[in-house]
Amino acid sequence: MDNPAKTKGSWAWLLQRVTAVLMIVFLGLHIWLVHFENLDEELLSWENVESRVQSFVILFVDYGLLITVLYHALGGVRMVAFDFVLRKGYRKTIDAGLWIVGIISSIWGIIIFAPFLGWA
């Protein structure tokens, strides 16, 4: 007999809830850091924006938000797809496709900040 924890996707369910909480935390931090921190400075100058984006805290929060949103969104797509697809082979294909989309999107999101990090 199969283990119900493996067949029902309990890890996927748990990680969906964990990423939901992390998204709320990262989004709150992002809004605070970008919109309310250092209000006495000139906020719309390119130099100010560039120096703020190079901050470790901003990068950590933004990358954390990127990863958690991607995982949460693609996990939701996976769960909806699995409600309609019952064949194991198709599910593995869906999993592989979503992992590829997630990895490519993560790399693309990291590359966007490359000029600010001095990588380009």
N, C-alpha and C. Protein backbone atom coordinates (compact mmCIF):
# COMPACT_ATOMS: atom_id res chain seq x y z
N MET A 1 0.85 -1.19 0.00
CA MET A 1 0.00 0.00 0.00
C MET A 1 0.89 1.25 0.00
N ASP A 2 0.47 2.26 -0.74
CA ASP A 2 1.24 3.50 -0.81
C ASP A 2 1.14 4.30 0.48
N ASN A 3 2.18 5.05 0.73
CA ASN A 3 2.19 5.96 1.87
C ASN A 3 1.29 7.15 1.54
N PRO A 4 0.24 7.42 2.33
CA PRO A 4 -0.66 8.54 2.01
C PRO A 4 0.05 9.88 1.97
N ALA A 5 1.10 10.06 2.76
CA ALA A 5 1.82 11.33 2.75
C ALA A 5 2.47 11.58 1.40
N LYS A 6 2.94 10.52 0.75
CA LYS A 6 3.58 10.68 -0.55
C LYS A 6 2.55 10.87 -1.66
N THR A 7 1.42 10.19 -1.57
CA THR A 7 0.45 10.26 -2.65
C THR A 7 -0.43 11.51 -2.57
N LYS A 8 -0.55 12.11 -1.43
CA LYS A 8 -1.43 13.28 -1.28
C LYS A 8 -0.68 14.60 -1.37
N GLY A 9 0.65 14.60 -1.46
CA GLY A 9 1.40 15.83 -1.62
C GLY A 9 1.45 16.70 -0.38
N SER A 10 1.68 16.08 0.78
CA SER A 10 1.68 16.86 2.02
C SER A 10 2.84 17.85 2.09
N TRP A 11 4.00 17.52 1.51
CA TRP A 11 5.10 18.48 1.50
C TRP A 11 4.77 19.68 0.62
N ALA A 12 4.17 19.44 -0.51
CA ALA A 12 3.78 20.54 -1.40
C ALA A 12 2.76 21.44 -0.70
N TRP A 13 1.82 20.82 0.00
CA TRP A 13 0.81 21.58 0.74
C TRP A 13 1.47 22.43 1.82
N LEU A 14 2.39 21.84 2.58
CA LEU A 14 3.06 22.56 3.65
C LEU A 14 3.91 23.71 3.10
N LEU A 15 4.68 23.45 2.06
CA LEU A 15 5.53 24.49 1.49
C LEU A 15 4.69 25.61 0.86
N GLN A 16 3.51 25.29 0.37
CA GLN A 16 2.61 26.32 -0.16
C GLN A 16 2.22 27.28 0.96
N ARG A 17 1.95 26.76 2.14
CA ARG A 17 1.56 27.61 3.28
C ARG A 17 2.75 28.39 3.81
N VAL A 18 3.92 27.76 3.87
CA VAL A 18 5.13 28.44 4.35
C VAL A 18 5.50 29.60 3.42
N THR A 19 5.45 29.36 2.10
CA THR A 19 5.78 30.44 1.18
C THR A 19 4.75 31.56 1.22
N ALA A 20 3.50 31.24 1.53
CA ALA A 20 2.49 32.30 1.67
C ALA A 20 2.86 33.23 2.82
N VAL A 21 3.27 32.67 3.94
CA VAL A 21 3.68 33.49 5.09
C VAL A 21 4.95 34.28 4.75
N LEU A 22 5.92 33.62 4.11
CA LEU A 22 7.16 34.32 3.74
C LEU A 22 6.89 35.45 2.74
N MET A 23 5.94 35.25 1.83
CA MET A 23 5.60 36.32 0.89
C MET A 23 5.07 37.54 1.62
N ILE A 24 4.24 37.33 2.61
CA ILE A 24 3.69 38.45 3.38
C ILE A 24 4.82 39.18 4.11
N VAL A 25 5.74 38.43 4.70
CA VAL A 25 6.86 39.04 5.43
C VAL A 25 7.75 39.81 4.46
N PHE A 26 8.17 39.16 3.36
CA PHE A 26 9.06 39.83 2.40
C PHE A 26 8.38 41.02 1.75
N LEU A 27 7.09 40.92 1.44
CA LEU A 27 6.40 42.05 0.83
C LEU A 27 6.31 43.23 1.80
N GLY A 28 6.00 42.94 3.05
CA GLY A 28 5.97 44.00 4.06
C GLY A 28 7.33 44.68 4.21
N LEU A 29 8.39 43.87 4.26
CA LEU A 29 9.75 44.44 4.35
C LEU A 29 10.09 45.25 3.11
N HIS A 30 9.73 44.73 1.94
CA HIS A 30 10.01 45.44 0.69
C HIS A 30 9.31 46.80 0.68
N ILE A 31 8.04 46.81 1.02
CA ILE A 31 7.29 48.08 1.03
C ILE A 31 7.91 49.05 2.03
N TRP A 32 8.27 48.56 3.20
CA TRP A 32 8.87 49.43 4.20
C TRP A 32 10.21 49.99 3.71
N LEU A 33 11.08 49.12 3.21
CA LEU A 33 12.42 49.55 2.80
C LEU A 33 12.39 50.49 1.60
N VAL A 34 11.50 50.23 0.66
CA VAL A 34 11.48 51.03 -0.57
C VAL A 34 10.71 52.32 -0.40
N HIS A 35 9.63 52.31 0.39
CA HIS A 35 8.74 53.47 0.42
C HIS A 35 8.81 54.30 1.70
N PHE A 36 9.30 53.73 2.80
CA PHE A 36 9.26 54.48 4.05
C PHE A 36 10.63 54.70 4.68
N GLU A 37 11.62 53.95 4.31
CA GLU A 37 12.96 54.09 4.87
C GLU A 37 13.66 55.27 4.20
N ASN A 38 14.38 56.08 4.98
CA ASN A 38 15.16 57.22 4.48
C ASN A 38 14.30 58.23 3.73
N LEU A 39 13.21 58.65 4.34
CA LEU A 39 12.32 59.60 3.68
C LEU A 39 12.93 60.99 3.55
N ASP A 40 13.97 61.28 4.31
CA ASP A 40 14.57 62.61 4.23
C ASP A 40 15.47 62.77 3.01
N GLU A 41 15.81 61.68 2.33
CA GLU A 41 16.67 61.77 1.16
C GLU A 41 15.85 62.02 -0.10
N GLU A 42 16.54 62.44 -1.15
CA GLU A 42 15.89 62.63 -2.44
C GLU A 42 15.63 61.24 -3.03
N LEU A 43 14.38 60.83 -3.09
CA LEU A 43 14.06 59.45 -3.42
C LEU A 43 14.10 59.14 -4.91
N LEU A 44 13.91 60.10 -5.76
CA LEU A 44 13.79 59.80 -7.16
C LEU A 44 15.04 60.03 -7.99
N SER A 45 16.17 60.28 -7.34
CA SER A 45 17.40 60.43 -8.11
C SER A 45 17.96 59.06 -8.45
N TRP A 46 18.58 58.94 -9.61
CA TRP A 46 19.13 57.66 -10.05
C TRP A 46 20.21 57.17 -9.10
N GLU A 47 21.06 58.06 -8.62
CA GLU A 47 22.15 57.68 -7.73
C GLU A 47 21.61 57.10 -6.43
N ASN A 48 20.55 57.70 -5.91
CA ASN A 48 19.95 57.20 -4.67
C ASN A 48 19.36 55.82 -4.87
N VAL A 49 18.63 55.65 -5.95
CA VAL A 49 18.02 54.34 -6.23
C VAL A 49 19.11 53.30 -6.43
N GLU A 50 20.15 53.65 -7.17
CA GLU A 50 21.25 52.72 -7.43
C GLU A 50 21.96 52.31 -6.14
N SER A 51 22.21 53.25 -5.27
CA SER A 51 22.90 52.92 -4.01
C SER A 51 22.00 52.09 -3.09
N ARG A 52 20.70 52.35 -3.10
CA ARG A 52 19.79 51.57 -2.26
C ARG A 52 19.67 50.14 -2.76
N VAL A 53 19.64 49.96 -4.08
CA VAL A 53 19.52 48.61 -4.63
C VAL A 53 20.77 47.79 -4.34
N GLN A 54 21.90 48.43 -4.19
CA GLN A 54 23.14 47.71 -3.89
C GLN A 54 23.22 47.29 -2.42
N SER A 55 22.31 47.72 -1.61
CA SER A 55 22.29 47.35 -0.20
C SER A 55 21.98 45.87 -0.05
N PHE A 56 22.71 45.19 0.85
CA PHE A 56 22.50 43.77 1.09
C PHE A 56 21.08 43.49 1.56
N VAL A 57 20.54 44.33 2.41
CA VAL A 57 19.20 44.11 2.96
C VAL A 57 18.16 44.17 1.85
N ILE A 58 18.25 45.17 0.98
CA ILE A 58 17.30 45.30 -0.13
C ILE A 58 17.42 44.09 -1.06
N LEU A 59 18.65 43.70 -1.39
CA LEU A 59 18.84 42.55 -2.27
C LEU A 59 18.30 41.27 -1.65
N PHE A 60 18.56 41.07 -0.36
CA PHE A 60 18.07 39.87 0.33
C PHE A 60 16.54 39.83 0.31
N VAL A 61 15.92 40.95 0.63
CA VAL A 61 14.45 41.01 0.67
C VAL A 61 13.87 40.81 -0.73
N ASP A 62 14.43 41.47 -1.73
CA ASP A 62 13.89 41.36 -3.09
C ASP A 62 14.11 39.97 -3.68
N TYR A 63 15.29 39.39 -3.48
CA TYR A 63 15.52 38.03 -3.95
C TYR A 63 14.65 37.03 -3.18
N GLY A 64 14.50 37.24 -1.90
CA GLY A 64 13.61 36.38 -1.12
C GLY A 64 12.18 36.46 -1.61
N LEU A 65 11.74 37.67 -1.92
CA LEU A 65 10.39 37.85 -2.47
C LEU A 65 10.26 37.17 -3.83
N LEU A 66 11.27 37.32 -4.67
CA LEU A 66 11.26 36.69 -5.99
C LEU A 66 11.12 35.17 -5.87
N ILE A 67 11.95 34.56 -5.04
CA ILE A 67 11.96 33.10 -4.92
C ILE A 67 10.66 32.59 -4.30
N THR A 68 10.19 33.25 -3.25
CA THR A 68 8.96 32.76 -2.60
C THR A 68 7.74 32.94 -3.50
N VAL A 69 7.66 34.06 -4.22
CA VAL A 69 6.52 34.27 -5.13
C VAL A 69 6.55 33.24 -6.26
N LEU A 70 7.74 33.00 -6.83
CA LEU A 70 7.83 32.00 -7.89
C LEU A 70 7.44 30.61 -7.40
N TYR A 71 7.97 30.21 -6.24
CA TYR A 71 7.66 28.88 -5.72
C TYR A 71 6.17 28.76 -5.41
N HIS A 72 5.62 29.79 -4.78
CA HIS A 72 4.21 29.76 -4.40
C HIS A 72 3.31 29.71 -5.65
N ALA A 73 3.61 30.55 -6.63
CA ALA A 73 2.79 30.60 -7.84
C ALA A 73 2.88 29.30 -8.64
N LEU A 74 4.10 28.82 -8.84
CA LEU A 74 4.26 27.59 -9.61
C LEU A 74 3.73 26.39 -8.85
N GLY A 75 3.83 26.41 -7.52
CA GLY A 75 3.23 25.35 -6.71
C GLY A 75 1.72 25.35 -6.83
N GLY A 76 1.13 26.53 -6.90
CA GLY A 76 -0.32 26.62 -7.10
C GLY A 76 -0.73 26.10 -8.46
N VAL A 77 0.03 26.44 -9.49
CA VAL A 77 -0.26 25.92 -10.84
C VAL A 77 -0.14 24.40 -10.84
N ARG A 78 0.87 23.88 -10.15
CA ARG A 78 1.08 22.43 -10.06
C ARG A 78 -0.12 21.75 -9.39
N MET A 79 -0.58 22.32 -8.28
CA MET A 79 -1.70 21.71 -7.57
C MET A 79 -2.98 21.72 -8.40
N VAL A 80 -3.22 22.80 -9.11
CA VAL A 80 -4.40 22.87 -9.98
C VAL A 80 -4.26 21.86 -11.12
N ALA A 81 -3.07 21.79 -11.72
CA ALA A 81 -2.86 20.85 -12.82
C ALA A 81 -3.04 19.41 -12.34
N PHE A 82 -2.56 19.11 -11.14
CA PHE A 82 -2.68 17.75 -10.61
C PHE A 82 -4.12 17.38 -10.27
N ASP A 83 -4.97 18.37 -10.08
CA ASP A 83 -6.39 18.08 -9.88
C ASP A 83 -7.03 17.51 -11.15
N PHE A 84 -6.45 17.85 -12.31
CA PHE A 84 -7.02 17.43 -13.57
C PHE A 84 -6.23 16.30 -14.25
N VAL A 85 -4.96 16.15 -13.90
CA VAL A 85 -4.11 15.14 -14.53
C VAL A 85 -3.86 14.02 -13.54
N LEU A 86 -4.24 12.81 -13.91
CA LEU A 86 -4.11 11.67 -13.01
C LEU A 86 -2.95 10.75 -13.37
N ARG A 87 -2.50 10.75 -14.60
CA ARG A 87 -1.43 9.83 -15.01
C ARG A 87 -0.09 10.28 -14.48
N LYS A 88 0.63 9.35 -13.88
CA LYS A 88 1.91 9.64 -13.23
C LYS A 88 2.94 10.22 -14.21
N GLY A 89 2.99 9.70 -15.41
CA GLY A 89 3.94 10.20 -16.41
C GLY A 89 3.70 11.66 -16.76
N TYR A 90 2.43 12.04 -16.89
CA TYR A 90 2.10 13.43 -17.19
C TYR A 90 2.45 14.34 -16.01
N ARG A 91 2.24 13.83 -14.80
CA ARG A 91 2.58 14.63 -13.61
C ARG A 91 4.07 14.90 -13.53
N LYS A 92 4.87 13.90 -13.88
CA LYS A 92 6.33 14.10 -13.87
C LYS A 92 6.74 15.13 -14.92
N THR A 93 6.06 15.11 -16.06
CA THR A 93 6.35 16.10 -17.11
C THR A 93 5.96 17.50 -16.64
N ILE A 94 4.82 17.61 -15.99
CA ILE A 94 4.39 18.90 -15.44
C ILE A 94 5.39 19.39 -14.40
N ASP A 95 5.82 18.50 -13.50
CA ASP A 95 6.82 18.87 -12.49
C ASP A 95 8.10 19.38 -13.14
N ALA A 96 8.60 18.65 -14.11
CA ALA A 96 9.84 19.04 -14.79
C ALA A 96 9.67 20.39 -15.48
N GLY A 97 8.56 20.57 -16.17
CA GLY A 97 8.32 21.84 -16.86
C GLY A 97 8.24 23.02 -15.90
N LEU A 98 7.57 22.82 -14.77
CA LEU A 98 7.46 23.91 -13.79
C LEU A 98 8.81 24.22 -13.14
N TRP A 99 9.61 23.19 -12.89
CA TRP A 99 10.96 23.43 -12.34
C TRP A 99 11.80 24.23 -13.34
N ILE A 100 11.70 23.88 -14.61
CA ILE A 100 12.46 24.61 -15.64
C ILE A 100 12.01 26.07 -15.69
N VAL A 101 10.71 26.30 -15.70
CA VAL A 101 10.18 27.67 -15.71
C VAL A 101 10.65 28.42 -14.46
N GLY A 102 10.61 27.78 -13.32
CA GLY A 102 11.03 28.42 -12.07
C GLY A 102 12.51 28.78 -12.06
N ILE A 103 13.34 27.87 -12.53
CA ILE A 103 14.80 28.12 -12.55
C ILE A 103 15.13 29.23 -13.54
N ILE A 104 14.54 29.18 -14.73
CA ILE A 104 14.80 30.23 -15.73
C ILE A 104 14.30 31.58 -15.23
N SER A 105 13.14 31.61 -14.61
CA SER A 105 12.60 32.88 -14.08
C SER A 105 13.47 33.42 -12.95
N SER A 106 13.98 32.54 -12.10
CA SER A 106 14.87 32.97 -11.01
C SER A 106 16.15 33.56 -11.56
N ILE A 107 16.74 32.88 -12.53
CA ILE A 107 17.98 33.39 -13.14
C ILE A 107 17.72 34.73 -13.82
N TRP A 108 16.62 34.86 -14.51
CA TRP A 108 16.26 36.11 -15.17
C TRP A 108 16.10 37.22 -14.14
N GLY A 109 15.44 36.93 -13.03
CA GLY A 109 15.28 37.93 -11.98
C GLY A 109 16.60 38.36 -11.37
N ILE A 110 17.53 37.43 -11.23
CA ILE A 110 18.85 37.76 -10.68
C ILE A 110 19.64 38.59 -11.68
N ILE A 111 19.54 38.26 -12.96
CA ILE A 111 20.27 38.99 -14.00
C ILE A 111 19.81 40.44 -14.09
N ILE A 112 18.55 40.70 -13.80
CA ILE A 112 18.04 42.07 -13.87
C ILE A 112 18.84 43.00 -12.95
N PHE A 113 19.26 42.49 -11.79
CA PHE A 113 20.03 43.31 -10.85
C PHE A 113 21.53 43.28 -11.12
N ALA A 114 21.99 42.55 -12.13
CA ALA A 114 23.42 42.44 -12.41
C ALA A 114 24.12 43.80 -12.60
N PRO A 115 23.55 44.74 -13.32
CA PRO A 115 24.24 46.04 -13.46
C PRO A 115 24.45 46.76 -12.13
N PHE A 116 23.50 46.60 -11.20
CA PHE A 116 23.62 47.25 -9.90
C PHE A 116 24.68 46.56 -9.03
N LEU A 117 24.93 45.29 -9.29
CA LEU A 117 25.89 44.53 -8.49
C LEU A 117 27.29 44.58 -9.07
N GLY A 118 27.45 45.22 -10.21
CA GLY A 118 28.76 45.31 -10.83
C GLY A 118 29.13 44.05 -11.62
N TRP A 119 28.14 43.21 -11.94
CA TRP A 119 28.41 41.97 -12.68
C TRP A 119 28.40 42.19 -14.17
N ALA A 120 27.83 43.29 -14.62
CA ALA A 120 27.74 43.51 -16.07
C ALA A 120 28.45 44.79 -16.45
